[in-house]
Amino acid sequence: MISASILASDLSCLREEIARVSPYIDMIHLDVMDGVFVPNITFGLPLLKAVRKCTDLPIDSH
């Protein structure tokens, strides 16, 4: 299985970024960082919902 992380994607072009890689992957991966367990903050539920609207691929997150 191939999973593509959106961590390095251009979030202002999320739909296009996902469409570009979708033919080559099995799922989308989201690295959720909340500033508690790691010092970084990435994204949460709003972005997860946006990704779901862009693709029917399975979404993996941790």
N, C-alpha and C. Protein backbone atom coordinates (compact mmCIF):
# COMPACT_ATOMS: atom_id res chain seq x y z
N MET A 1 0.84 -1.18 0.00
CA MET A 1 0.00 0.00 0.00
C MET A 1 0.88 1.24 0.00
N ILE A 2 0.45 2.22 -0.75
CA ILE A 2 1.16 3.49 -0.79
C ILE A 2 0.25 4.56 -0.21
N SER A 3 0.78 5.29 0.76
CA SER A 3 0.04 6.36 1.42
C SER A 3 0.80 7.66 1.21
N ALA A 4 0.11 8.70 0.77
CA ALA A 4 0.74 10.00 0.55
C ALA A 4 0.32 10.96 1.66
N SER A 5 1.30 11.57 2.29
CA SER A 5 1.03 12.55 3.34
C SER A 5 0.76 13.91 2.70
N ILE A 6 -0.18 14.65 3.27
CA ILE A 6 -0.44 15.99 2.75
C ILE A 6 0.37 17.04 3.51
N LEU A 7 1.23 16.60 4.42
CA LEU A 7 2.01 17.53 5.24
C LEU A 7 2.82 18.50 4.38
N ALA A 8 3.38 18.04 3.28
CA ALA A 8 4.21 18.89 2.43
C ALA A 8 3.44 19.48 1.26
N SER A 9 2.14 19.28 1.20
CA SER A 9 1.37 19.79 0.06
C SER A 9 1.04 21.27 0.23
N ASP A 10 0.65 21.87 -0.86
CA ASP A 10 0.20 23.26 -0.86
C ASP A 10 -1.29 23.24 -0.50
N LEU A 11 -1.61 23.60 0.73
CA LEU A 11 -2.99 23.49 1.20
C LEU A 11 -3.93 24.46 0.50
N SER A 12 -3.39 25.49 -0.13
CA SER A 12 -4.26 26.42 -0.87
C SER A 12 -4.75 25.79 -2.18
N CYS A 13 -4.12 24.69 -2.58
CA CYS A 13 -4.51 23.94 -3.79
C CYS A 13 -4.78 22.48 -3.43
N LEU A 14 -5.41 22.26 -2.30
CA LEU A 14 -5.59 20.91 -1.77
C LEU A 14 -6.26 19.96 -2.75
N ARG A 15 -7.35 20.38 -3.35
CA ARG A 15 -8.08 19.51 -4.29
C ARG A 15 -7.18 19.10 -5.46
N GLU A 16 -6.45 20.05 -6.01
CA GLU A 16 -5.56 19.76 -7.14
C GLU A 16 -4.41 18.85 -6.73
N GLU A 17 -3.85 19.09 -5.55
CA GLU A 17 -2.74 18.27 -5.06
C GLU A 17 -3.19 16.82 -4.89
N ILE A 18 -4.36 16.63 -4.30
CA ILE A 18 -4.87 15.27 -4.10
C ILE A 18 -5.19 14.61 -5.44
N ALA A 19 -5.80 15.35 -6.34
CA ALA A 19 -6.13 14.79 -7.66
C ALA A 19 -4.88 14.38 -8.43
N ARG A 20 -3.81 15.15 -8.27
CA ARG A 20 -2.56 14.87 -8.99
C ARG A 20 -1.93 13.54 -8.55
N VAL A 21 -2.00 13.22 -7.27
CA VAL A 21 -1.35 12.00 -6.78
C VAL A 21 -2.29 10.80 -6.65
N SER A 22 -3.58 11.03 -6.66
CA SER A 22 -4.56 9.96 -6.43
C SER A 22 -4.39 8.72 -7.31
N PRO A 23 -4.07 8.86 -8.59
CA PRO A 23 -3.92 7.64 -9.41
C PRO A 23 -2.78 6.73 -8.96
N TYR A 24 -1.87 7.24 -8.16
CA TYR A 24 -0.66 6.50 -7.81
C TYR A 24 -0.61 6.02 -6.35
N ILE A 25 -1.65 6.32 -5.58
CA ILE A 25 -1.63 5.99 -4.16
C ILE A 25 -2.87 5.19 -3.76
N ASP A 26 -2.79 4.60 -2.57
CA ASP A 26 -3.91 3.82 -2.04
C ASP A 26 -4.68 4.56 -0.95
N MET A 27 -4.02 5.53 -0.31
CA MET A 27 -4.68 6.30 0.75
C MET A 27 -3.96 7.62 0.98
N ILE A 28 -4.66 8.54 1.64
CA ILE A 28 -4.13 9.84 2.03
C ILE A 28 -3.75 9.75 3.51
N HIS A 29 -2.60 10.34 3.86
CA HIS A 29 -2.15 10.31 5.25
C HIS A 29 -2.11 11.73 5.82
N LEU A 30 -2.63 11.89 7.03
CA LEU A 30 -2.57 13.17 7.73
C LEU A 30 -1.77 13.00 9.01
N ASP A 31 -0.72 13.79 9.15
CA ASP A 31 0.06 13.82 10.39
C ASP A 31 -0.54 14.90 11.27
N VAL A 32 -1.33 14.50 12.25
CA VAL A 32 -1.99 15.45 13.14
C VAL A 32 -1.05 15.73 14.32
N MET A 33 -0.63 16.98 14.44
CA MET A 33 0.24 17.40 15.55
C MET A 33 -0.48 18.50 16.31
N ASP A 34 -0.65 18.30 17.62
CA ASP A 34 -1.49 19.20 18.40
C ASP A 34 -0.75 20.14 19.33
N GLY A 35 0.59 20.11 19.32
CA GLY A 35 1.34 20.98 20.21
C GLY A 35 1.47 20.46 21.62
N VAL A 36 0.85 19.31 21.93
CA VAL A 36 0.92 18.73 23.26
C VAL A 36 1.94 17.58 23.28
N PHE A 37 1.72 16.59 22.42
CA PHE A 37 2.62 15.43 22.38
C PHE A 37 3.89 15.73 21.60
N VAL A 38 3.82 16.65 20.68
CA VAL A 38 4.98 17.15 19.93
C VAL A 38 4.90 18.67 19.93
N PRO A 39 6.01 19.37 19.76
CA PRO A 39 5.97 20.83 19.83
C PRO A 39 5.30 21.49 18.63
N ASN A 40 5.11 20.77 17.55
CA ASN A 40 4.54 21.35 16.33
C ASN A 40 3.02 21.31 16.35
N ILE A 41 2.42 22.16 15.53
CA ILE A 41 0.97 22.14 15.31
C ILE A 41 0.75 22.07 13.81
N THR A 42 -0.04 21.10 13.37
CA THR A 42 -0.33 21.01 11.94
C THR A 42 -1.80 21.30 11.69
N PHE A 43 -2.63 20.29 11.63
CA PHE A 43 -4.03 20.49 11.29
C PHE A 43 -4.89 19.51 12.07
N GLY A 44 -6.17 19.78 12.06
CA GLY A 44 -7.10 18.95 12.80
C GLY A 44 -8.32 18.61 12.00
N LEU A 45 -9.44 18.55 12.67
CA LEU A 45 -10.70 18.10 12.08
C LEU A 45 -11.15 18.93 10.87
N PRO A 46 -11.02 20.26 10.88
CA PRO A 46 -11.45 21.01 9.70
C PRO A 46 -10.73 20.57 8.41
N LEU A 47 -9.43 20.33 8.50
CA LEU A 47 -8.71 19.90 7.30
C LEU A 47 -9.07 18.46 6.94
N LEU A 48 -9.26 17.62 7.92
CA LEU A 48 -9.70 16.25 7.65
C LEU A 48 -11.01 16.26 6.87
N LYS A 49 -11.94 17.11 7.27
CA LYS A 49 -13.22 17.22 6.56
C LYS A 49 -13.02 17.74 5.14
N ALA A 50 -12.08 18.68 4.96
CA ALA A 50 -11.80 19.21 3.63
C ALA A 50 -11.20 18.12 2.73
N VAL A 51 -10.31 17.31 3.28
CA VAL A 51 -9.72 16.22 2.51
C VAL A 51 -10.81 15.23 2.10
N ARG A 52 -11.71 14.90 3.00
CA ARG A 52 -12.78 13.95 2.70
C ARG A 52 -13.62 14.44 1.53
N LYS A 53 -13.83 15.74 1.41
CA LYS A 53 -14.61 16.29 0.30
C LYS A 53 -13.87 16.19 -1.03
N CYS A 54 -12.55 16.03 -0.97
CA CYS A 54 -11.73 16.01 -2.19
C CYS A 54 -11.50 14.63 -2.77
N THR A 55 -11.72 13.58 -1.98
CA THR A 55 -11.38 12.24 -2.44
C THR A 55 -12.21 11.17 -1.74
N ASP A 56 -12.35 10.05 -2.42
CA ASP A 56 -12.99 8.88 -1.82
C ASP A 56 -11.95 7.88 -1.30
N LEU A 57 -10.66 8.20 -1.48
CA LEU A 57 -9.61 7.33 -0.97
C LEU A 57 -9.70 7.22 0.55
N PRO A 58 -9.27 6.10 1.11
CA PRO A 58 -9.21 6.00 2.57
C PRO A 58 -8.27 7.06 3.13
N ILE A 59 -8.54 7.51 4.34
CA ILE A 59 -7.70 8.50 5.02
C ILE A 59 -7.12 7.85 6.27
N ASP A 60 -5.81 7.94 6.38
CA ASP A 60 -5.08 7.42 7.53
C ASP A 60 -4.53 8.62 8.30
N SER A 61 -4.64 8.60 9.61
CA SER A 61 -4.09 9.71 10.39
C SER A 61 -3.53 9.21 11.71
N HIS A 62 -2.60 9.95 12.21
CA HIS A 62 -2.07 9.70 13.55
C HIS A 62 -1.45 10.98 14.05
